[in-house]
Amino acid sequence: MLDFVLVIAAYLLGSISSAVIVCRLAGLPDPRTQGSSNPGATNVLRIGGRKSAVVTLLGDSIKGLLPVVVCHLLDRPVLVLALVGMAAFLGHLYPVFFGFKGGKGVATALGVQFGLDWMIGSAVALTWLFMAKVANISSLAALISMLLAPLYIWLIWPAPELVIMQVLITMLLIWRHRSNIQNLLAGNEGRISKQQGD
């Protein structure tokens, strides 16, 4: 029963849209109706600037981090860690509180990875930062870092349940980024330096 409650709680926490809440509190337009229409940190950066985007990023990351950390503290099995991490991620993608229309899940996935092990989270985050610096494209950095995430998990904590969880997360992230992939192939994807505000 405890494990079931943890999974449901993780999904409900993941369903809280940091982007929508931050924009409402800051008096900004609803991110689902502006820019890319994606309720995520990158779109908040476009419409509200750096400070609002950072708060959104932290909020989305905590949604993935907190449920997994709680599982660690309760000494739950690896399978429960994987299910809880997946539930938090799915909550962000398909939030029950926002008509099942959520974001793309990069920050929440990163929170899950840090919750599993700080070395896994750091490896993914450093890959994102490196690719963002080199390519100056947020979506490309996200895709590359998440494509490598299953490998990082396999190298650091080679539990099949966690590797499978991350493969599923990566596949969903690629699906959610399909319009970005089309723009990348066409050379039309926006660059980070052009999205930054005050």
N, C-alpha and C. Protein backbone atom coordinates (compact mmCIF):
# COMPACT_ATOMS: atom_id res chain seq x y z
N MET A 1 0.83 -1.21 0.00
CA MET A 1 0.00 0.00 0.00
C MET A 1 0.87 1.26 0.00
N LEU A 2 1.95 1.24 0.78
CA LEU A 2 2.84 2.41 0.84
C LEU A 2 3.41 2.72 -0.54
N ASP A 3 3.84 1.67 -1.24
CA ASP A 3 4.44 1.88 -2.55
C ASP A 3 3.43 2.47 -3.53
N PHE A 4 2.19 2.00 -3.46
CA PHE A 4 1.13 2.54 -4.31
C PHE A 4 0.91 4.02 -4.01
N VAL A 5 0.87 4.37 -2.74
CA VAL A 5 0.69 5.77 -2.33
C VAL A 5 1.85 6.63 -2.83
N LEU A 6 3.06 6.11 -2.76
CA LEU A 6 4.23 6.87 -3.22
C LEU A 6 4.15 7.15 -4.72
N VAL A 7 3.71 6.16 -5.49
CA VAL A 7 3.60 6.33 -6.94
C VAL A 7 2.53 7.37 -7.28
N ILE A 8 1.36 7.28 -6.63
CA ILE A 8 0.28 8.23 -6.89
C ILE A 8 0.69 9.63 -6.46
N ALA A 9 1.35 9.73 -5.30
CA ALA A 9 1.79 11.05 -4.81
C ALA A 9 2.81 11.67 -5.77
N ALA A 10 3.69 10.84 -6.32
CA ALA A 10 4.69 11.34 -7.27
C ALA A 10 4.01 11.88 -8.52
N TYR A 11 3.00 11.17 -9.01
CA TYR A 11 2.27 11.64 -10.20
C TYR A 11 1.57 12.97 -9.91
N LEU A 12 0.92 13.07 -8.75
CA LEU A 12 0.20 14.29 -8.40
C LEU A 12 1.16 15.47 -8.24
N LEU A 13 2.32 15.22 -7.62
CA LEU A 13 3.31 16.28 -7.49
C LEU A 13 3.82 16.70 -8.86
N GLY A 14 4.06 15.71 -9.72
CA GLY A 14 4.51 16.02 -11.08
C GLY A 14 3.48 16.80 -11.87
N SER A 15 2.21 16.66 -11.50
CA SER A 15 1.12 17.34 -12.22
C SER A 15 1.02 18.83 -11.91
N ILE A 16 1.75 19.29 -10.90
CA ILE A 16 1.74 20.72 -10.58
C ILE A 16 2.62 21.45 -11.59
N SER A 17 2.05 22.35 -12.36
CA SER A 17 2.79 23.05 -13.41
C SER A 17 3.52 24.27 -12.86
N SER A 18 4.82 24.14 -12.71
CA SER A 18 5.62 25.26 -12.20
C SER A 18 5.53 26.47 -13.13
N ALA A 19 5.54 26.21 -14.43
CA ALA A 19 5.52 27.31 -15.40
C ALA A 19 4.24 28.13 -15.29
N VAL A 20 3.11 27.47 -15.20
CA VAL A 20 1.83 28.18 -15.11
C VAL A 20 1.75 28.96 -13.81
N ILE A 21 2.17 28.34 -12.70
CA ILE A 21 2.11 29.00 -11.40
C ILE A 21 3.04 30.20 -11.35
N VAL A 22 4.28 30.03 -11.82
CA VAL A 22 5.24 31.13 -11.81
C VAL A 22 4.74 32.30 -12.65
N CYS A 23 4.20 32.00 -13.82
CA CYS A 23 3.71 33.07 -14.70
C CYS A 23 2.52 33.79 -14.08
N ARG A 24 1.66 33.07 -13.41
CA ARG A 24 0.52 33.72 -12.75
C ARG A 24 1.00 34.63 -11.64
N LEU A 25 1.92 34.15 -10.81
CA LEU A 25 2.43 34.95 -9.70
C LEU A 25 3.21 36.17 -10.18
N ALA A 26 3.87 36.04 -11.34
CA ALA A 26 4.68 37.14 -11.88
C ALA A 26 3.86 38.07 -12.77
N GLY A 27 2.57 37.76 -12.95
CA GLY A 27 1.74 38.60 -13.81
C GLY A 27 2.06 38.46 -15.28
N LEU A 28 2.57 37.29 -15.67
CA LEU A 28 2.93 37.04 -17.06
C LEU A 28 1.81 36.27 -17.76
N PRO A 29 1.81 36.28 -19.09
CA PRO A 29 0.80 35.50 -19.82
C PRO A 29 0.94 34.01 -19.54
N ASP A 30 -0.13 33.28 -19.73
CA ASP A 30 -0.11 31.83 -19.58
C ASP A 30 0.87 31.25 -20.61
N PRO A 31 1.89 30.51 -20.17
CA PRO A 31 2.88 29.99 -21.12
C PRO A 31 2.29 29.01 -22.13
N ARG A 32 1.11 28.49 -21.85
CA ARG A 32 0.47 27.56 -22.79
C ARG A 32 -0.16 28.29 -23.97
N THR A 33 -0.20 29.63 -23.89
CA THR A 33 -0.79 30.42 -24.98
C THR A 33 0.23 31.35 -25.63
N GLN A 34 1.48 31.27 -25.20
CA GLN A 34 2.52 32.17 -25.71
C GLN A 34 3.72 31.38 -26.21
N GLY A 35 4.50 31.99 -27.07
CA GLY A 35 5.74 31.37 -27.54
C GLY A 35 5.50 30.02 -28.18
N SER A 36 6.16 28.99 -27.62
CA SER A 36 6.01 27.64 -28.15
C SER A 36 4.78 26.93 -27.59
N SER A 37 4.06 27.59 -26.67
CA SER A 37 2.89 27.03 -25.98
C SER A 37 3.25 25.88 -25.04
N ASN A 38 4.53 25.72 -24.77
CA ASN A 38 4.99 24.66 -23.87
C ASN A 38 5.18 25.22 -22.46
N PRO A 39 4.52 24.62 -21.45
CA PRO A 39 4.69 25.09 -20.08
C PRO A 39 5.98 24.57 -19.45
N GLY A 40 7.07 25.13 -19.92
CA GLY A 40 8.39 24.74 -19.42
C GLY A 40 9.29 25.94 -19.27
N ALA A 41 10.48 25.69 -18.70
CA ALA A 41 11.39 26.79 -18.38
C ALA A 41 11.86 27.56 -19.61
N THR A 42 12.10 26.86 -20.72
CA THR A 42 12.58 27.53 -21.93
C THR A 42 11.56 28.52 -22.46
N ASN A 43 10.29 28.13 -22.45
CA ASN A 43 9.24 29.03 -22.93
C ASN A 43 9.04 30.19 -21.95
N VAL A 44 9.14 29.92 -20.65
CA VAL A 44 9.05 30.99 -19.66
C VAL A 44 10.19 31.98 -19.86
N LEU A 45 11.36 31.48 -20.24
CA LEU A 45 12.49 32.36 -20.54
C LEU A 45 12.14 33.31 -21.68
N ARG A 46 11.44 32.80 -22.67
CA ARG A 46 11.05 33.63 -23.81
C ARG A 46 10.09 34.75 -23.40
N ILE A 47 9.12 34.40 -22.57
CA ILE A 47 8.05 35.37 -22.30
C ILE A 47 8.24 36.16 -21.01
N GLY A 48 9.09 35.64 -20.10
CA GLY A 48 9.20 36.30 -18.81
C GLY A 48 10.60 36.63 -18.34
N GLY A 49 11.61 36.15 -19.07
CA GLY A 49 12.98 36.47 -18.68
C GLY A 49 13.63 35.42 -17.81
N ARG A 50 14.86 35.68 -17.46
CA ARG A 50 15.73 34.70 -16.81
C ARG A 50 15.26 34.30 -15.41
N LYS A 51 14.85 35.29 -14.59
CA LYS A 51 14.48 34.98 -13.21
C LYS A 51 13.29 34.02 -13.15
N SER A 52 12.27 34.32 -13.91
CA SER A 52 11.08 33.45 -13.93
C SER A 52 11.43 32.07 -14.47
N ALA A 53 12.32 32.01 -15.44
CA ALA A 53 12.71 30.73 -16.01
C ALA A 53 13.47 29.88 -15.00
N VAL A 54 14.34 30.52 -14.22
CA VAL A 54 15.12 29.78 -13.21
C VAL A 54 14.20 29.21 -12.14
N VAL A 55 13.23 30.00 -11.69
CA VAL A 55 12.27 29.51 -10.69
C VAL A 55 11.47 28.33 -11.26
N THR A 56 11.06 28.45 -12.51
CA THR A 56 10.33 27.36 -13.17
C THR A 56 11.19 26.11 -13.26
N LEU A 57 12.43 26.29 -13.63
CA LEU A 57 13.37 25.16 -13.75
C LEU A 57 13.55 24.45 -12.41
N LEU A 58 13.71 25.24 -11.35
CA LEU A 58 13.88 24.65 -10.02
C LEU A 58 12.62 23.91 -9.59
N GLY A 59 11.45 24.53 -9.84
CA GLY A 59 10.20 23.89 -9.48
C GLY A 59 9.99 22.57 -10.19
N ASP A 60 10.26 22.56 -11.49
CA ASP A 60 10.09 21.32 -12.26
C ASP A 60 11.10 20.25 -11.84
N SER A 61 12.31 20.67 -11.48
CA SER A 61 13.32 19.71 -11.03
C SER A 61 12.95 19.09 -9.69
N ILE A 62 12.45 19.92 -8.78
CA ILE A 62 12.07 19.43 -7.44
C ILE A 62 10.96 18.39 -7.54
N LYS A 63 10.07 18.56 -8.53
CA LYS A 63 8.98 17.58 -8.71
C LYS A 63 9.52 16.18 -8.98
N GLY A 64 10.64 16.09 -9.67
CA GLY A 64 11.25 14.80 -9.92
C GLY A 64 12.16 14.34 -8.79
N LEU A 65 12.83 15.30 -8.17
CA LEU A 65 13.80 14.98 -7.12
C LEU A 65 13.13 14.49 -5.84
N LEU A 66 12.15 15.23 -5.36
CA LEU A 66 11.58 14.97 -4.04
C LEU A 66 10.98 13.57 -3.87
N PRO A 67 10.14 13.10 -4.81
CA PRO A 67 9.56 11.76 -4.61
C PRO A 67 10.60 10.65 -4.56
N VAL A 68 11.66 10.78 -5.37
CA VAL A 68 12.70 9.75 -5.40
C VAL A 68 13.52 9.80 -4.11
N VAL A 69 13.80 10.99 -3.62
CA VAL A 69 14.53 11.13 -2.35
C VAL A 69 13.72 10.52 -1.20
N VAL A 70 12.41 10.75 -1.19
CA VAL A 70 11.55 10.16 -0.16
C VAL A 70 11.63 8.63 -0.21
N CYS A 71 11.66 8.06 -1.41
CA CYS A 71 11.80 6.61 -1.55
C CYS A 71 13.12 6.12 -0.96
N HIS A 72 14.18 6.88 -1.19
CA HIS A 72 15.48 6.53 -0.59
C HIS A 72 15.38 6.53 0.92
N LEU A 73 14.78 7.60 1.47
CA LEU A 73 14.67 7.73 2.92
C LEU A 73 13.84 6.61 3.54
N LEU A 74 12.85 6.14 2.79
CA LEU A 74 12.00 5.04 3.26
C LEU A 74 12.56 3.67 2.90
N ASP A 75 13.73 3.68 2.26
CA ASP A 75 14.44 2.44 1.90
C ASP A 75 13.57 1.51 1.05
N ARG A 76 12.95 2.12 0.02
CA ARG A 76 12.10 1.33 -0.87
C ARG A 76 12.96 0.60 -1.92
N PRO A 77 12.45 -0.50 -2.48
CA PRO A 77 13.20 -1.26 -3.49
C PRO A 77 13.44 -0.44 -4.77
N VAL A 78 14.39 -0.92 -5.56
CA VAL A 78 14.75 -0.23 -6.79
C VAL A 78 13.55 -0.11 -7.73
N LEU A 79 12.72 -1.14 -7.79
CA LEU A 79 11.55 -1.09 -8.66
C LEU A 79 10.64 0.07 -8.27
N VAL A 80 10.47 0.31 -7.00
CA VAL A 80 9.63 1.42 -6.54
C VAL A 80 10.27 2.76 -6.91
N LEU A 81 11.58 2.86 -6.78
CA LEU A 81 12.28 4.07 -7.22
C LEU A 81 11.99 4.35 -8.69
N ALA A 82 12.06 3.31 -9.51
CA ALA A 82 11.82 3.47 -10.94
C ALA A 82 10.38 3.88 -11.22
N LEU A 83 9.42 3.24 -10.55
CA LEU A 83 8.01 3.56 -10.77
C LEU A 83 7.68 4.97 -10.30
N VAL A 84 8.24 5.36 -9.17
CA VAL A 84 8.00 6.70 -8.63
C VAL A 84 8.60 7.77 -9.55
N GLY A 85 9.83 7.52 -10.02
CA GLY A 85 10.46 8.47 -10.94
C GLY A 85 9.67 8.61 -12.22
N MET A 86 9.19 7.49 -12.74
CA MET A 86 8.39 7.51 -13.97
C MET A 86 7.07 8.23 -13.74
N ALA A 87 6.46 8.02 -12.57
CA ALA A 87 5.18 8.66 -12.26
C ALA A 87 5.32 10.18 -12.18
N ALA A 88 6.39 10.65 -11.55
CA ALA A 88 6.62 12.10 -11.46
C ALA A 88 6.81 12.70 -12.85
N PHE A 89 7.56 12.00 -13.68
CA PHE A 89 7.80 12.46 -15.05
C PHE A 89 6.50 12.50 -15.86
N LEU A 90 5.70 11.45 -15.76
CA LEU A 90 4.43 11.40 -16.48
C LEU A 90 3.47 12.47 -15.98
N GLY A 91 3.54 12.77 -14.68
CA GLY A 91 2.71 13.84 -14.14
C GLY A 91 3.02 15.18 -14.78
N HIS A 92 4.30 15.42 -15.05
CA HIS A 92 4.68 16.67 -15.71
C HIS A 92 4.19 16.69 -17.15
N LEU A 93 4.32 15.57 -17.83
CA LEU A 93 3.89 15.50 -19.24
C LEU A 93 2.38 15.54 -19.38
N TYR A 94 1.69 14.85 -18.48
CA TYR A 94 0.24 14.72 -18.57
C TYR A 94 -0.40 15.06 -17.21
N PRO A 95 -0.39 16.34 -16.84
CA PRO A 95 -0.84 16.75 -15.51
C PRO A 95 -2.35 16.70 -15.35
N VAL A 96 -2.81 16.01 -14.32
CA VAL A 96 -4.25 15.88 -14.08
C VAL A 96 -4.88 17.23 -13.76
N PHE A 97 -4.09 18.16 -13.19
CA PHE A 97 -4.62 19.47 -12.79
C PHE A 97 -4.71 20.46 -13.95
N PHE A 98 -4.10 20.13 -15.08
CA PHE A 98 -4.05 21.08 -16.20
C PHE A 98 -4.48 20.41 -17.51
N GLY A 99 -5.53 19.61 -17.42
CA GLY A 99 -6.10 19.01 -18.62
C GLY A 99 -5.18 18.05 -19.33
N PHE A 100 -4.24 17.45 -18.61
CA PHE A 100 -3.29 16.47 -19.16
C PHE A 100 -2.43 17.07 -20.28
N LYS A 101 -2.26 18.40 -20.26
CA LYS A 101 -1.40 19.07 -21.24
C LYS A 101 -0.23 19.72 -20.52
N GLY A 102 0.89 19.01 -20.50
CA GLY A 102 2.04 19.47 -19.75
C GLY A 102 3.24 19.80 -20.62
N GLY A 103 4.39 19.87 -19.98
CA GLY A 103 5.62 20.26 -20.66
C GLY A 103 6.35 19.07 -21.28
N LYS A 104 7.61 19.29 -21.62
CA LYS A 104 8.39 18.26 -22.31
C LYS A 104 9.20 17.40 -21.36
N GLY A 105 9.36 17.86 -20.11
CA GLY A 105 9.85 16.98 -19.06
C GLY A 105 11.34 16.94 -18.80
N VAL A 106 12.13 17.80 -19.42
CA VAL A 106 13.58 17.72 -19.27
C VAL A 106 14.00 17.99 -17.82
N ALA A 107 13.51 19.08 -17.23
CA ALA A 107 13.90 19.44 -15.87
C ALA A 107 13.41 18.41 -14.86
N THR A 108 12.19 17.91 -15.04
CA THR A 108 11.67 16.89 -14.13
C THR A 108 12.47 15.60 -14.24
N ALA A 109 12.83 15.21 -15.45
CA ALA A 109 13.68 14.03 -15.65
C ALA A 109 15.02 14.22 -14.96
N LEU A 110 15.59 15.42 -15.07
CA LEU A 110 16.87 15.70 -14.40
C LEU A 110 16.72 15.60 -12.89
N GLY A 111 15.59 16.06 -12.36
CA GLY A 111 15.35 15.93 -10.93
C GLY A 111 15.30 14.47 -10.50
N VAL A 112 14.65 13.65 -11.30
CA VAL A 112 14.61 12.21 -11.02
C VAL A 112 16.02 11.63 -11.00
N GLN A 113 16.83 12.03 -11.97
CA GLN A 113 18.20 11.52 -12.07
C GLN A 113 19.05 11.92 -10.88
N PHE A 114 18.91 13.17 -10.44
CA PHE A 114 19.63 13.60 -9.24
C PHE A 114 19.11 12.86 -8.02
N GLY A 115 17.80 12.59 -7.99
CA GLY A 115 17.23 11.84 -6.87
C GLY A 115 17.78 10.43 -6.79
N LEU A 116 18.01 9.81 -7.93
CA LEU A 116 18.57 8.46 -7.95
C LEU A 116 19.99 8.46 -7.40
N ASP A 117 20.82 9.33 -7.92
CA ASP A 117 22.23 9.41 -7.52
C ASP A 117 22.80 10.73 -8.03
N TRP A 118 23.49 11.43 -7.17
CA TRP A 118 24.00 12.74 -7.57
C TRP A 118 24.97 12.64 -8.75
N MET A 119 25.66 11.49 -8.87
CA MET A 119 26.59 11.34 -9.99
C MET A 119 25.84 11.19 -11.32
N ILE A 120 24.69 10.50 -11.28
CA ILE A 120 23.89 10.37 -12.50
C ILE A 120 23.37 11.73 -12.92
N GLY A 121 22.78 12.47 -11.97
CA GLY A 121 22.27 13.80 -12.27
C GLY A 121 23.36 14.74 -12.77
N SER A 122 24.51 14.67 -12.14
CA SER A 122 25.62 15.55 -12.54
C SER A 122 26.11 15.23 -13.94
N ALA A 123 26.18 13.94 -14.28
CA ALA A 123 26.62 13.55 -15.62
C ALA A 123 25.67 14.08 -16.68
N VAL A 124 24.36 13.96 -16.43
CA VAL A 124 23.38 14.45 -17.39
C VAL A 124 23.42 15.97 -17.48
N ALA A 125 23.50 16.63 -16.32
CA ALA A 125 23.51 18.10 -16.29
C ALA A 125 24.75 18.66 -16.98
N LEU A 126 25.90 18.04 -16.74
CA LEU A 126 27.14 18.51 -17.37
C LEU A 126 27.09 18.30 -18.89
N THR A 127 26.48 17.20 -19.32
CA THR A 127 26.32 16.97 -20.76
C THR A 127 25.45 18.06 -21.36
N TRP A 128 24.34 18.40 -20.68
CA TRP A 128 23.45 19.46 -21.16
C TRP A 128 24.22 20.78 -21.25
N LEU A 129 24.95 21.11 -20.19
CA LEU A 129 25.69 22.39 -20.18
C LEU A 129 26.73 22.44 -21.29
N PHE A 130 27.43 21.34 -21.50
CA PHE A 130 28.44 21.29 -22.55
C PHE A 130 27.82 21.48 -23.92
N MET A 131 26.74 20.74 -24.18
CA MET A 131 26.09 20.85 -25.49
C MET A 131 25.44 22.23 -25.68
N ALA A 132 24.88 22.79 -24.60
CA ALA A 132 24.28 24.12 -24.70
C ALA A 132 25.35 25.16 -25.02
N LYS A 133 26.53 24.99 -24.43
CA LYS A 133 27.63 25.92 -24.69
C LYS A 133 28.13 25.79 -26.13
N VAL A 134 28.26 24.57 -26.59
CA VAL A 134 28.80 24.32 -27.93
C VAL A 134 27.79 24.67 -29.02
N ALA A 135 26.56 24.19 -28.86
CA ALA A 135 25.56 24.35 -29.92
C ALA A 135 24.65 25.56 -29.74
N ASN A 136 24.53 26.03 -28.47
CA ASN A 136 23.68 27.18 -28.16
C ASN A 136 22.21 26.91 -28.49
N ILE A 137 21.81 25.63 -28.40
CA ILE A 137 20.43 25.24 -28.69
C ILE A 137 19.93 24.35 -27.55
N SER A 138 18.93 24.84 -26.83
CA SER A 138 18.43 24.14 -25.64
C SER A 138 17.90 22.75 -25.96
N SER A 139 17.08 22.65 -27.01
CA SER A 139 16.46 21.36 -27.33
C SER A 139 17.50 20.31 -27.72
N LEU A 140 18.52 20.71 -28.47
CA LEU A 140 19.57 19.77 -28.87
C LEU A 140 20.35 19.29 -27.64
N ALA A 141 20.65 20.22 -26.73
CA ALA A 141 21.34 19.86 -25.50
C ALA A 141 20.51 18.87 -24.69
N ALA A 142 19.20 19.11 -24.62
CA ALA A 142 18.30 18.21 -23.89
C ALA A 142 18.27 16.83 -24.51
N LEU A 143 18.15 16.78 -25.83
CA LEU A 143 18.06 15.50 -26.52
C LEU A 143 19.34 14.68 -26.37
N ILE A 144 20.48 15.32 -26.54
CA ILE A 144 21.76 14.60 -26.42
C ILE A 144 21.96 14.11 -25.00
N SER A 145 21.70 14.97 -24.00
CA SER A 145 21.92 14.57 -22.61
C SER A 145 20.99 13.43 -22.20
N MET A 146 19.75 13.46 -22.67
CA MET A 146 18.81 12.40 -22.31
C MET A 146 19.05 11.11 -23.10
N LEU A 147 19.59 11.23 -24.30
CA LEU A 147 19.97 10.02 -25.04
C LEU A 147 21.12 9.29 -24.35
N LEU A 148 21.99 10.05 -23.69
CA LEU A 148 23.13 9.45 -22.98
C LEU A 148 22.76 9.01 -21.56
N ALA A 149 21.63 9.48 -21.04
CA ALA A 149 21.25 9.19 -19.66
C ALA A 149 21.15 7.69 -19.35
N PRO A 150 20.55 6.86 -20.23
CA PRO A 150 20.52 5.42 -19.91
C PRO A 150 21.93 4.83 -19.76
N LEU A 151 22.87 5.30 -20.56
CA LEU A 151 24.25 4.84 -20.45
C LEU A 151 24.85 5.24 -19.12
N TYR A 152 24.61 6.48 -18.71
CA TYR A 152 25.13 6.94 -17.42
C TYR A 152 24.57 6.10 -16.27
N ILE A 153 23.28 5.83 -16.32
CA ILE A 153 22.68 5.01 -15.27
C ILE A 153 23.28 3.61 -15.27
N TRP A 154 23.45 3.05 -16.46
CA TRP A 154 24.02 1.70 -16.56
C TRP A 154 25.45 1.65 -16.01
N LEU A 155 26.21 2.72 -16.21
CA LEU A 155 27.59 2.77 -15.71
C LEU A 155 27.67 3.02 -14.21
N ILE A 156 26.76 3.83 -13.68
CA ILE A 156 26.83 4.25 -12.28
C ILE A 156 25.99 3.36 -11.36
N TRP A 157 24.80 3.01 -11.80
CA TRP A 157 23.91 2.16 -10.99
C TRP A 157 23.18 1.22 -11.95
N PRO A 158 23.83 0.12 -12.33
CA PRO A 158 23.31 -0.74 -13.41
C PRO A 158 22.15 -1.64 -12.99
N ALA A 159 21.10 -1.03 -12.45
CA ALA A 159 19.89 -1.78 -12.12
C ALA A 159 18.98 -1.79 -13.35
N PRO A 160 18.56 -2.95 -13.83
CA PRO A 160 17.71 -3.01 -15.03
C PRO A 160 16.46 -2.15 -14.94
N GLU A 161 15.85 -2.09 -13.74
CA GLU A 161 14.64 -1.30 -13.57
C GLU A 161 14.89 0.18 -13.86
N LEU A 162 16.03 0.67 -13.41
CA LEU A 162 16.35 2.09 -13.61
C LEU A 162 16.73 2.38 -15.05
N VAL A 163 17.46 1.46 -15.67
CA VAL A 163 17.82 1.65 -17.07
C VAL A 163 16.57 1.66 -17.95
N ILE A 164 15.65 0.72 -17.68
CA ILE A 164 14.40 0.67 -18.45
C ILE A 164 13.59 1.93 -18.24
N MET A 165 13.50 2.40 -16.97
CA MET A 165 12.79 3.64 -16.68
C MET A 165 13.34 4.79 -17.51
N GLN A 166 14.68 4.90 -17.55
CA GLN A 166 15.29 6.01 -18.28
C GLN A 166 15.12 5.87 -19.78
N VAL A 167 15.16 4.66 -20.30
CA VAL A 167 14.91 4.46 -21.73
C VAL A 167 13.51 4.93 -22.10
N LEU A 168 12.53 4.60 -21.25
CA LEU A 168 11.16 5.05 -21.49
C LEU A 168 11.06 6.58 -21.42
N ILE A 169 11.71 7.16 -20.42
CA ILE A 169 11.72 8.62 -20.30
C ILE A 169 12.34 9.26 -21.53
N THR A 170 13.47 8.71 -21.97
CA THR A 170 14.15 9.25 -23.15
C THR A 170 13.28 9.16 -24.39
N MET A 171 12.60 8.03 -24.56
CA MET A 171 11.72 7.87 -25.72
C MET A 171 10.57 8.88 -25.70
N LEU A 172 10.00 9.10 -24.53
CA LEU A 172 8.92 10.08 -24.41
C LEU A 172 9.43 11.49 -24.65
N LEU A 173 10.64 11.78 -24.18
CA LEU A 173 11.24 13.10 -24.41
C LEU A 173 11.47 13.34 -25.90
N ILE A 174 11.93 12.34 -26.60
CA ILE A 174 12.13 12.47 -28.04
C ILE A 174 10.79 12.73 -28.73
N TRP A 175 9.76 12.00 -28.31
CA TRP A 175 8.43 12.20 -28.88
C TRP A 175 7.93 13.61 -28.62
N ARG A 176 8.12 14.10 -27.40
CA ARG A 176 7.65 15.44 -27.05
C ARG A 176 8.46 16.53 -27.76
N HIS A 177 9.65 16.19 -28.20
CA HIS A 177 10.50 17.15 -28.89
C HIS A 177 10.45 16.99 -30.42
N ARG A 178 9.43 16.30 -30.93
CA ARG A 178 9.42 16.01 -32.37
C ARG A 178 9.37 17.29 -33.22
N SER A 179 8.67 18.32 -32.75
CA SER A 179 8.65 19.58 -33.52
C SER A 179 10.02 20.25 -33.47
N ASN A 180 10.71 20.14 -32.32
CA ASN A 180 12.07 20.69 -32.22
C ASN A 180 13.01 19.95 -33.15
N ILE A 181 12.84 18.63 -33.23
CA ILE A 181 13.70 17.83 -34.11
C ILE A 181 13.49 18.25 -35.57
N GLN A 182 12.24 18.48 -35.95
CA GLN A 182 11.96 18.95 -37.31
C GLN A 182 12.64 20.30 -37.57
N ASN A 183 12.58 21.19 -36.57
CA ASN A 183 13.22 22.50 -36.72
C ASN A 183 14.74 22.37 -36.78
N LEU A 184 15.28 21.45 -36.00
CA LEU A 184 16.73 21.23 -36.03
C LEU A 184 17.17 20.74 -37.41
N LEU A 185 16.42 19.81 -37.96
CA LEU A 185 16.76 19.28 -39.28
C LEU A 185 16.63 20.34 -40.37
N ALA A 186 15.70 21.29 -40.15
CA ALA A 186 15.50 22.37 -41.13
C ALA A 186 16.40 23.56 -40.86
N GLY A 187 17.13 23.52 -39.73
CA GLY A 187 18.01 24.63 -39.37
C GLY A 187 17.27 25.84 -38.83
N ASN A 188 16.06 25.62 -38.31
CA ASN A 188 15.24 26.74 -37.85
C ASN A 188 15.07 26.80 -36.34
N GLU A 189 15.72 25.92 -35.60
CA GLU A 189 15.52 25.88 -34.15
C GLU A 189 16.14 27.11 -33.48
N GLY A 190 15.39 27.70 -32.53
CA GLY A 190 15.85 28.91 -31.87
C GLY A 190 17.08 28.64 -30.99
N ARG A 191 17.89 29.67 -30.85
CA ARG A 191 19.10 29.56 -30.05
C ARG A 191 18.91 30.18 -28.68
N ILE A 192 19.66 29.68 -27.71
CA ILE A 192 19.52 30.10 -26.32
C ILE A 192 19.80 31.60 -26.17
N SER A 193 20.83 32.08 -26.84
CA SER A 193 21.23 33.47 -26.69
C SER A 193 20.17 34.44 -27.16
N LYS A 194 19.27 33.99 -28.04
CA LYS A 194 18.21 34.85 -28.55
C LYS A 194 16.95 34.78 -27.69
N GLN A 195 16.96 33.87 -26.69
CA GLN A 195 15.77 33.68 -25.86
C GLN A 195 15.89 34.36 -24.51
N GLN A 196 17.07 34.83 -24.17
CA GLN A 196 17.30 35.35 -22.84
C GLN A 196 16.75 36.78 -22.70
N GLY A 197 16.04 36.97 -21.59
CA GLY A 197 15.52 38.30 -21.28
C GLY A 197 16.11 38.80 -19.98
N ASP A 198 15.55 39.89 -19.46
CA ASP A 198 16.06 40.46 -18.21
C ASP A 198 15.45 39.74 -17.00
